[in-house]
Amino acid sequence: MYVLKEKLKRLKFDIRNWNKHVFGDVNKQRVELEKRIQDLDGKDDEGELSVEDKEERRQLLADLGQVRAKQEAILQQKARFSWLSQGDLNTKFYHSSIKWKRMFNGINGLKVRDQWCEDPTKVKDKVKAFFEGRFSGRGGGGILWVGW
């Protein structure tokens, strides 16, 4: 176990270095890109923007989009980690989240050819017929609306 622990320590160090060199500080990158874009916008307001500056601005906007996507991914990972470490404690928040997910993951009824159907076995048969029709090329089976 000691050897595994030491290998994980080294791996942690390598991952931090890789993260620093590949991603860097995305917040700092975003601020620098926004500042440079503002400078070019100010230059454009004065009418002094050249073709090269326009191309640089376009590239900066593309880079800014990538940095924002990285920033969003980091925030999503942090939120998921926070949920895993704190959210699953049988709290009211946890149970309301699960209840909400279950409510929207189920199909309570179908409207088939202007007729509402809530019987679970009929709903199951209609959904099965719908997808069999879709994948066989016969059509959709007539399902018009799904209710949750």
Protein backbone atom coordinates (compact mmCIF):
# COMPACT_ATOMS: atom_id res chain seq x y z
CA MET A 1 0.00 0.00 0.00
CA TYR A 2 2.91 2.35 0.70
CA VAL A 3 4.16 1.98 -2.89
CA LEU A 4 0.69 2.75 -4.25
CA LYS A 5 0.43 5.83 -2.02
CA GLU A 6 3.78 7.14 -3.27
CA LYS A 7 2.84 6.51 -6.90
CA LEU A 8 -0.39 8.43 -6.39
CA LYS A 9 1.54 11.34 -4.84
CA ARG A 10 3.82 11.48 -7.88
CA LEU A 11 0.84 11.23 -10.20
CA LYS A 12 -0.84 14.11 -8.39
CA PHE A 13 2.28 16.25 -8.88
CA ASP A 14 2.49 15.34 -12.59
CA ILE A 15 -1.21 16.09 -13.13
CA ARG A 16 -0.87 19.50 -11.47
CA ASN A 17 2.10 20.37 -13.68
CA TRP A 18 0.26 19.18 -16.78
CA ASN A 19 -2.80 21.21 -15.81
CA LYS A 20 -0.70 24.32 -15.25
CA HIS A 21 1.08 24.01 -18.61
CA VAL A 22 -1.88 22.90 -20.73
CA PHE A 23 -4.75 24.88 -19.24
CA GLY A 24 -3.11 27.52 -17.12
CA ASP A 25 -5.30 29.88 -15.13
CA VAL A 26 -8.48 30.12 -17.19
CA ASN A 27 -9.78 33.07 -15.17
CA LYS A 28 -6.62 35.03 -15.91
CA GLN A 29 -6.76 34.02 -19.59
CA ARG A 30 -10.39 35.19 -19.82
CA VAL A 31 -9.57 38.58 -18.28
CA GLU A 32 -6.59 39.08 -20.62
CA LEU A 33 -8.61 38.13 -23.70
CA GLU A 34 -11.50 40.43 -22.72
CA LYS A 35 -9.07 43.30 -22.11
CA ARG A 36 -7.42 42.83 -25.52
CA ILE A 37 -10.85 42.64 -27.21
CA GLN A 38 -11.91 45.86 -25.45
CA ASP A 39 -8.71 47.55 -26.67
CA LEU A 40 -9.49 46.51 -30.23
CA ASP A 41 -13.11 47.64 -29.85
CA GLY A 42 -11.88 51.04 -28.66
CA LYS A 43 -9.59 51.22 -31.66
CA ASP A 44 -12.54 50.30 -33.90
CA ASP A 45 -14.66 53.09 -32.39
CA GLU A 46 -11.93 55.53 -33.39
CA GLY A 47 -11.93 54.08 -36.92
CA GLU A 48 -8.32 52.87 -36.77
CA LEU A 49 -8.92 49.10 -37.00
CA SER A 50 -6.87 47.45 -39.74
CA VAL A 51 -7.58 44.15 -41.50
CA GLU A 52 -5.00 42.41 -39.29
CA ASP A 53 -6.65 43.83 -36.17
CA LYS A 54 -10.05 42.59 -37.35
CA GLU A 55 -8.64 39.11 -37.88
CA GLU A 56 -6.95 39.22 -34.47
CA ARG A 57 -10.25 40.29 -32.86
CA ARG A 58 -12.05 37.40 -34.57
CA GLN A 59 -9.40 34.97 -33.30
CA LEU A 60 -9.55 36.47 -29.80
CA LEU A 61 -13.34 36.00 -29.74
CA ALA A 62 -12.90 32.36 -30.76
CA ASP A 63 -10.27 31.88 -28.05
CA LEU A 64 -12.56 33.56 -25.53
CA GLY A 65 -15.31 31.07 -26.40
CA GLN A 66 -12.92 28.18 -25.78
CA VAL A 67 -11.75 29.64 -22.47
CA ARG A 68 -15.36 30.14 -21.35
CA ALA A 69 -16.14 26.53 -22.28
CA LYS A 70 -13.15 25.37 -20.19
CA GLN A 71 -14.30 27.56 -17.32
CA GLU A 72 -17.81 26.11 -17.52
CA ALA A 73 -16.44 22.56 -17.56
CA ILE A 74 -14.39 23.29 -14.45
CA LEU A 75 -17.44 24.70 -12.68
CA GLN A 76 -19.50 21.65 -13.64
CA GLN A 77 -16.81 19.33 -12.28
CA LYS A 78 -16.65 21.30 -9.04
CA ALA A 79 -20.43 21.20 -8.70
CA ARG A 80 -20.49 17.45 -9.30
CA PHE A 81 -17.72 16.96 -6.73
CA SER A 82 -19.60 19.12 -4.25
CA TRP A 83 -22.76 17.10 -4.87
CA LEU A 84 -20.93 13.81 -4.36
CA SER A 85 -19.22 14.95 -1.19
CA GLN A 86 -22.05 16.94 0.40
CA GLY A 87 -25.30 16.37 -1.45
CA ASP A 88 -25.86 12.71 -0.74
CA LEU A 89 -26.44 13.05 3.00
CA ASN A 90 -30.17 12.18 3.05
CA THR A 91 -30.95 15.86 3.33
CA LYS A 92 -34.13 17.57 2.24
CA PHE A 93 -32.23 18.93 -0.77
CA TYR A 94 -31.09 15.44 -1.76
CA HIS A 95 -34.56 13.93 -1.51
CA SER A 96 -36.22 16.81 -3.36
CA SER A 97 -33.61 16.48 -6.14
CA ILE A 98 -34.26 12.77 -6.49
CA LYS A 99 -38.03 13.30 -6.43
CA TRP A 100 -37.75 15.97 -9.13
CA LYS A 101 -35.59 13.70 -11.34
CA ARG A 102 -38.00 10.78 -10.94
CA MET A 103 -40.96 13.00 -11.77
CA PHE A 104 -39.43 14.07 -15.09
CA ASN A 105 -37.95 10.68 -16.02
CA GLY A 106 -41.28 8.86 -16.09
CA ILE A 107 -44.05 8.85 -18.66
CA ASN A 108 -47.45 9.16 -16.99
CA GLY A 109 -49.54 9.04 -20.11
CA LEU A 110 -49.74 9.31 -23.89
CA LYS A 111 -52.10 10.97 -26.28
CA VAL A 112 -52.67 8.55 -29.14
CA ARG A 113 -54.88 9.66 -32.01
CA ASP A 114 -56.65 12.28 -29.85
CA GLN A 115 -57.23 9.79 -27.02
CA TRP A 116 -55.43 10.11 -23.67
CA CYS A 117 -54.05 6.85 -22.23
CA GLU A 118 -52.68 6.52 -18.67
CA ASP A 119 -52.80 2.74 -18.12
CA PRO A 120 -49.13 1.67 -17.62
CA THR A 121 -49.43 -1.51 -19.70
CA LYS A 122 -51.13 0.33 -22.57
CA VAL A 123 -48.56 3.14 -22.39
CA LYS A 124 -45.77 0.56 -22.52
CA ASP A 125 -47.36 -1.18 -25.52
CA LYS A 126 -47.92 2.10 -27.37
CA VAL A 127 -44.33 3.25 -26.79
CA LYS A 128 -43.02 -0.12 -27.94
CA ALA A 129 -45.21 0.02 -31.07
CA PHE A 130 -44.08 3.58 -31.74
CA PHE A 131 -40.37 2.72 -31.69
CA GLU A 132 -40.86 -0.55 -33.57
CA GLY A 133 -42.61 1.47 -36.27
CA ARG A 134 -39.85 4.07 -36.29
CA PHE A 135 -37.03 1.56 -36.62
CA SER A 136 -38.81 -0.65 -39.14
CA GLY A 137 -39.68 2.30 -41.38
CA ARG A 138 -43.47 1.91 -41.09
CA GLY A 139 -44.01 5.23 -39.36
CA GLY A 140 -44.41 6.40 -35.81
CA GLY A 141 -47.34 4.43 -34.50
CA GLY A 142 -49.47 7.54 -33.94
CA ILE A 143 -48.08 8.94 -30.68
CA LEU A 144 -48.76 12.66 -30.73
CA TRP A 145 -47.92 13.91 -27.28
CA VAL A 146 -46.23 12.53 -24.17
CA GLY A 147 -47.23 13.76 -20.71
CA TRP A 148 -45.00 13.74 -17.64
